[in-house]
Amino acid sequence: MGLPFALVLPGLGEVKSFDELGKKYHDWLGAQDVAIQVLFTGLQSALQGGVLGYMFGSISAIDPNQNGAVKPSNPALDSMVKAGPWGSARNLAALTGVQAAASLAIKKARNGKEDVYSAMGASFLSGVAYSVVSGSPNPIQSAVTTGAAFALFNGLIYQIGQAFKPDFADTEYDRGKYMLKTLGLTKYADNLKKGLLTDNTIMLWNDSALAECRIPPGPRLLILHHLDTYRNPSNILKPALPLPPLPPQPLAAVGTAGR
């Protein structure tokens, strides 16, 4: 969807559509330090949560006694009604903002590893934040119990989701992931799946294809330079030297193929 007029934003340049704005923002954020990524990710999710919370609070604030309706006796629903639109916006903004920021921070700290412990850790912190901003009469006890409840619930949901995942190994991206690991670019491994850049397409990768997967310019240059050593060996090696082999296949994939 195009903008009514072109915008020139600091750090992003000129943008002419919302899609281009989102892509440039994602590329810019991916090139920042981890602290900046965590901060902006949390703020973005907090803003979205605040908007949803305000809308939900506005609906909940409607007088339940209108038209002869009976006021709900559910304590949780009653507390939501009392919080009002701005209270609900504040609570949900804290919940979603801390959840997103903590999830990214834990993932970065664990070198991209995600498991049930990561999910439970982020949920615990978001539960603590929700309890603190909601104004519980016993803040310390409520923060611990709410955080624990959030962590256990999200951990259960994560385990259920893992149970329904296919039990066969995904080997279509093994060589691409191995190449990224060799270049120190492991954090962009998931981008390959988003663009369906399987191992069969490695020799066809170009700048535009990698950009579509939202891989920043610096890593793109490293990947293409690495591939050029295999695609154009005459430009790099002397004629007397043998041609280099294809990018090596990971040991795990070799073992799987030999069975």
Protein backbone atom coordinates (compact mmCIF):
# COMPACT_ATOMS: atom_id res chain seq x y z
CA MET A 1 0.00 0.00 0.00
CA GLY A 2 1.50 3.31 -1.08
CA LEU A 3 1.85 6.43 1.03
CA PRO A 4 0.13 9.66 -0.11
CA PHE A 5 3.58 11.22 -0.40
CA ALA A 6 7.19 10.07 -0.06
CA LEU A 7 8.75 10.30 3.39
CA VAL A 8 12.42 10.83 4.20
CA LEU A 9 13.16 9.34 7.61
CA PRO A 10 16.49 9.57 9.49
CA GLY A 11 18.40 6.32 9.21
CA LEU A 12 15.87 4.83 6.76
CA GLY A 13 16.06 7.14 3.76
CA GLU A 14 13.13 7.75 1.43
CA VAL A 15 10.12 5.45 1.68
CA LYS A 16 7.10 5.40 -0.63
CA SER A 17 4.96 2.58 0.81
CA PHE A 18 4.16 0.92 4.11
CA ASP A 19 5.76 -2.32 2.90
CA GLU A 20 8.98 -0.50 2.08
CA LEU A 21 8.86 1.28 5.44
CA GLY A 22 8.46 -2.02 7.29
CA LYS A 23 11.30 -3.67 5.34
CA LYS A 24 13.70 -0.78 5.87
CA TYR A 25 12.84 -0.60 9.55
CA HIS A 26 13.44 -4.36 9.93
CA ASP A 27 16.79 -4.10 8.13
CA TRP A 28 17.80 -1.09 10.23
CA LEU A 29 16.85 -2.81 13.48
CA GLY A 30 18.71 -5.99 12.52
CA ALA A 31 21.92 -3.98 12.09
CA GLN A 32 21.73 -2.41 15.57
CA ASP A 33 23.27 -3.58 18.84
CA VAL A 34 21.41 -6.22 20.84
CA ALA A 35 20.33 -3.68 23.47
CA ILE A 36 18.73 -1.46 20.83
CA GLN A 37 17.00 -4.44 19.21
CA VAL A 38 15.58 -5.55 22.56
CA LEU A 39 14.46 -2.02 23.46
CA PHE A 40 12.70 -1.30 20.15
CA THR A 41 11.14 -4.77 19.99
CA GLY A 42 9.70 -4.28 23.47
CA LEU A 43 8.42 -0.79 22.68
CA GLN A 44 6.79 -1.97 19.45
CA SER A 45 4.97 -4.83 21.20
CA ALA A 46 4.03 -2.56 24.12
CA LEU A 47 2.43 -0.10 21.70
CA GLN A 48 0.43 -2.85 20.02
CA GLY A 49 -0.61 -4.28 23.38
CA GLY A 50 -1.60 -0.84 24.64
CA VAL A 51 -3.89 -0.24 21.67
CA LEU A 52 -5.56 -3.63 22.08
CA GLY A 53 -5.85 -3.11 25.83
CA TYR A 54 -7.52 0.26 25.38
CA MET A 55 -10.03 -1.19 22.92
CA PHE A 56 -10.77 -4.12 25.22
CA GLY A 57 -11.04 -1.82 28.23
CA SER A 58 -13.45 0.45 26.36
CA ILE A 59 -15.72 -2.51 25.62
CA SER A 60 -15.45 -3.83 29.18
CA ALA A 61 -16.23 -0.42 30.63
CA ILE A 62 -19.73 -0.42 29.16
CA ASP A 63 -22.24 -0.36 32.03
CA PRO A 64 -23.38 -3.99 32.45
CA ASN A 65 -26.59 -2.84 34.12
CA GLN A 66 -27.86 -1.19 30.94
CA ASN A 67 -31.02 -2.69 29.45
CA GLY A 68 -31.58 -4.70 32.60
CA ALA A 69 -28.39 -6.76 32.26
CA VAL A 70 -26.92 -8.31 35.40
CA LYS A 71 -23.48 -7.21 36.53
CA PRO A 72 -20.95 -10.08 36.13
CA SER A 73 -19.91 -11.78 39.36
CA ASN A 74 -16.58 -13.05 37.96
CA PRO A 75 -13.81 -11.30 40.00
CA ALA A 76 -11.36 -11.28 37.08
CA LEU A 77 -13.87 -9.72 34.71
CA ASP A 78 -14.96 -7.27 37.39
CA SER A 79 -11.35 -6.13 37.90
CA MET A 80 -10.97 -5.58 34.15
CA VAL A 81 -14.05 -3.41 34.14
CA LYS A 82 -12.74 -1.37 37.07
CA ALA A 83 -9.35 -0.85 35.37
CA GLY A 84 -10.98 1.11 32.57
CA PRO A 85 -9.59 1.68 29.07
CA TRP A 86 -6.32 3.31 30.16
CA GLY A 87 -5.74 0.80 32.93
CA SER A 88 -6.24 -2.10 30.53
CA ALA A 89 -3.95 -0.41 28.00
CA ARG A 90 -1.24 0.00 30.63
CA ASN A 91 -1.52 -3.59 31.87
CA LEU A 92 -1.50 -5.19 28.42
CA ALA A 93 1.29 -2.90 27.20
CA ALA A 94 3.49 -4.01 30.11
CA LEU A 95 2.61 -7.65 29.50
CA THR A 96 3.28 -7.74 25.76
CA GLY A 97 6.25 -5.35 25.84
CA VAL A 98 8.17 -7.26 28.49
CA GLN A 99 7.26 -10.61 26.88
CA ALA A 100 8.67 -9.57 23.49
CA ALA A 101 11.77 -7.85 24.90
CA ALA A 102 12.58 -10.71 27.29
CA SER A 103 12.08 -13.34 24.57
CA LEU A 104 14.54 -11.60 22.25
CA ALA A 105 17.06 -10.91 25.04
CA ILE A 106 17.04 -14.55 26.19
CA LYS A 107 17.35 -15.77 22.59
CA LYS A 108 20.34 -13.50 21.95
CA ALA A 109 21.98 -14.49 25.23
CA ARG A 110 21.63 -18.19 24.33
CA ASN A 111 23.02 -17.71 20.79
CA GLY A 112 19.68 -18.17 19.10
CA LYS A 113 18.60 -21.26 21.05
CA GLU A 114 14.88 -21.44 21.83
CA ASP A 115 13.27 -24.05 24.06
CA VAL A 116 10.73 -24.42 26.85
CA TYR A 117 13.07 -22.72 29.34
CA SER A 118 13.32 -19.64 27.14
CA ALA A 119 9.54 -19.49 26.83
CA MET A 120 9.01 -19.91 30.57
CA GLY A 121 11.65 -17.31 31.45
CA ALA A 122 10.11 -14.64 29.23
CA SER A 123 6.61 -15.46 30.49
CA PHE A 124 7.74 -15.24 34.11
CA LEU A 125 9.14 -11.74 33.57
CA SER A 126 6.02 -10.60 31.70
CA GLY A 127 3.83 -11.95 34.53
CA VAL A 128 5.90 -10.03 37.08
CA ALA A 129 5.57 -6.82 35.02
CA TYR A 130 1.81 -7.30 34.65
CA SER A 131 1.41 -7.83 38.38
CA VAL A 132 3.50 -4.75 39.28
CA VAL A 133 1.69 -2.28 37.00
CA SER A 134 -1.78 -3.63 37.84
CA GLY A 135 -1.39 -2.46 41.44
CA SER A 136 -1.77 -5.61 43.52
CA PRO A 137 -2.21 -5.03 47.30
CA ASN A 138 0.67 -7.46 48.02
CA PRO A 139 3.09 -6.64 45.18
CA ILE A 140 5.97 -9.03 45.98
CA GLN A 141 3.85 -12.12 46.60
CA SER A 142 1.56 -11.31 43.68
CA ALA A 143 4.51 -10.72 41.32
CA VAL A 144 6.04 -14.10 42.14
CA THR A 145 2.79 -16.07 41.96
CA THR A 146 1.62 -14.32 38.76
CA GLY A 147 5.01 -14.79 37.10
CA ALA A 148 5.08 -18.46 38.06
CA ALA A 149 1.54 -18.99 36.76
CA PHE A 150 2.40 -17.32 33.44
CA ALA A 151 5.60 -19.38 33.14
CA LEU A 152 3.88 -22.71 33.85
CA PHE A 153 1.01 -21.97 31.47
CA ASN A 154 3.25 -20.88 28.62
CA GLY A 155 5.62 -23.79 29.25
CA LEU A 156 2.68 -26.19 28.96
CA ILE A 157 1.51 -24.56 25.73
CA TYR A 158 5.07 -24.75 24.32
CA GLN A 159 5.38 -28.44 25.14
CA ILE A 160 2.01 -29.20 23.56
CA GLY A 161 3.09 -27.38 20.41
CA GLN A 162 6.35 -29.33 20.29
CA ALA A 163 4.46 -32.61 20.64
CA PHE A 164 2.55 -31.92 17.41
CA LYS A 165 5.66 -31.03 15.38
CA PRO A 166 6.75 -33.57 12.71
CA ASP A 167 9.34 -36.02 14.02
CA PHE A 168 11.43 -36.10 10.83
CA ALA A 169 14.52 -33.95 10.41
CA ASP A 170 14.40 -30.94 8.12
CA THR A 171 17.49 -31.40 5.94
CA GLU A 172 16.62 -29.07 3.06
CA TYR A 173 18.62 -26.21 4.58
CA ASP A 174 21.59 -28.10 6.10
CA ARG A 175 24.27 -26.80 3.71
CA GLY A 176 22.97 -23.26 3.87
CA LYS A 177 22.95 -23.31 7.67
CA TYR A 178 26.42 -24.84 7.73
CA MET A 179 27.71 -22.08 5.45
CA LEU A 180 26.17 -19.40 7.68
CA LYS A 181 27.75 -21.03 10.73
CA THR A 182 31.14 -20.98 8.97
CA LEU A 183 30.72 -17.25 8.29
CA GLY A 184 29.54 -16.48 11.83
CA LEU A 185 26.03 -15.63 10.62
CA THR A 186 24.03 -18.33 12.42
CA LYS A 187 21.37 -15.86 13.55
CA TYR A 188 20.15 -15.55 9.94
CA ALA A 189 19.51 -19.31 9.54
CA ASP A 190 15.77 -18.89 10.03
CA ASN A 191 15.71 -16.31 7.22
CA LEU A 192 16.54 -19.06 4.72
CA LYS A 193 13.28 -20.87 5.49
CA LYS A 194 11.27 -17.67 5.18
CA GLY A 195 12.56 -17.25 1.62
CA LEU A 196 12.56 -21.00 0.80
CA LEU A 197 16.29 -20.78 0.01
CA THR A 198 16.92 -24.52 0.12
CA ASP A 199 20.28 -26.21 -0.47
CA ASN A 200 19.32 -26.79 -4.11
CA THR A 201 19.24 -23.01 -4.69
CA ILE A 202 22.57 -22.10 -3.08
CA MET A 203 24.41 -21.51 -6.36
CA LEU A 204 21.57 -19.23 -7.54
CA TRP A 205 21.59 -16.91 -4.53
CA ASN A 206 21.96 -13.23 -5.37
CA ASP A 207 21.67 -9.93 -3.55
CA SER A 208 17.97 -9.43 -4.24
CA ALA A 209 17.05 -12.96 -3.09
CA LEU A 210 18.93 -12.50 0.20
CA ALA A 211 17.42 -9.05 0.65
CA GLU A 212 13.92 -10.52 0.26
CA CYS A 213 14.77 -12.76 3.22
CA ARG A 214 15.62 -9.62 5.20
CA ILE A 215 19.31 -10.38 5.56
CA PRO A 216 21.18 -7.04 6.06
CA PRO A 217 23.64 -5.73 3.44
CA GLY A 218 26.82 -6.63 5.37
CA PRO A 219 25.98 -10.32 5.83
CA ARG A 220 24.73 -10.45 2.23
CA LEU A 221 28.13 -9.31 0.98
CA LEU A 222 29.91 -11.96 3.06
CA ILE A 223 27.60 -14.72 1.78
CA LEU A 224 27.94 -13.71 -1.88
CA HIS A 225 31.72 -13.34 -1.59
CA HIS A 226 31.91 -16.83 -0.11
CA LEU A 227 29.77 -18.26 -2.92
CA ASP A 228 31.87 -16.50 -5.56
CA THR A 229 34.83 -18.69 -4.58
CA TYR A 230 32.82 -21.65 -5.90
CA ARG A 231 30.98 -19.98 -8.77
CA ASN A 232 33.95 -18.11 -10.24
CA PRO A 233 37.08 -19.95 -9.11
CA SER A 234 39.14 -18.62 -12.05
CA ASN A 235 38.90 -15.10 -10.62
CA ILE A 236 40.40 -16.18 -7.31
CA LEU A 237 42.64 -19.22 -7.88
CA LYS A 238 45.66 -19.52 -10.10
CA PRO A 239 45.27 -21.82 -13.15
CA ALA A 240 47.61 -24.45 -11.68
CA LEU A 241 45.48 -24.92 -8.56
CA PRO A 242 42.57 -27.40 -8.49
CA LEU A 243 38.99 -26.16 -8.43
CA PRO A 244 37.44 -26.01 -4.98
CA PRO A 245 34.67 -28.49 -4.09
CA LEU A 246 31.05 -27.56 -3.46
CA PRO A 247 30.22 -26.16 -0.01
CA PRO A 248 30.65 -29.08 2.43
CA GLN A 249 27.64 -30.88 3.80
CA PRO A 250 27.28 -31.02 7.61
CA LEU A 251 28.29 -34.28 9.27
CA ALA A 252 24.75 -34.86 10.58
CA ALA A 253 23.34 -34.65 7.05
CA VAL A 254 26.03 -36.99 5.68
CA GLY A 255 25.18 -39.57 8.32
CA THR A 256 21.48 -39.31 7.53
CA ALA A 257 22.05 -39.70 3.79
CA GLY A 258 24.19 -42.81 4.29
CA ARG A 259 21.48 -44.69 6.08
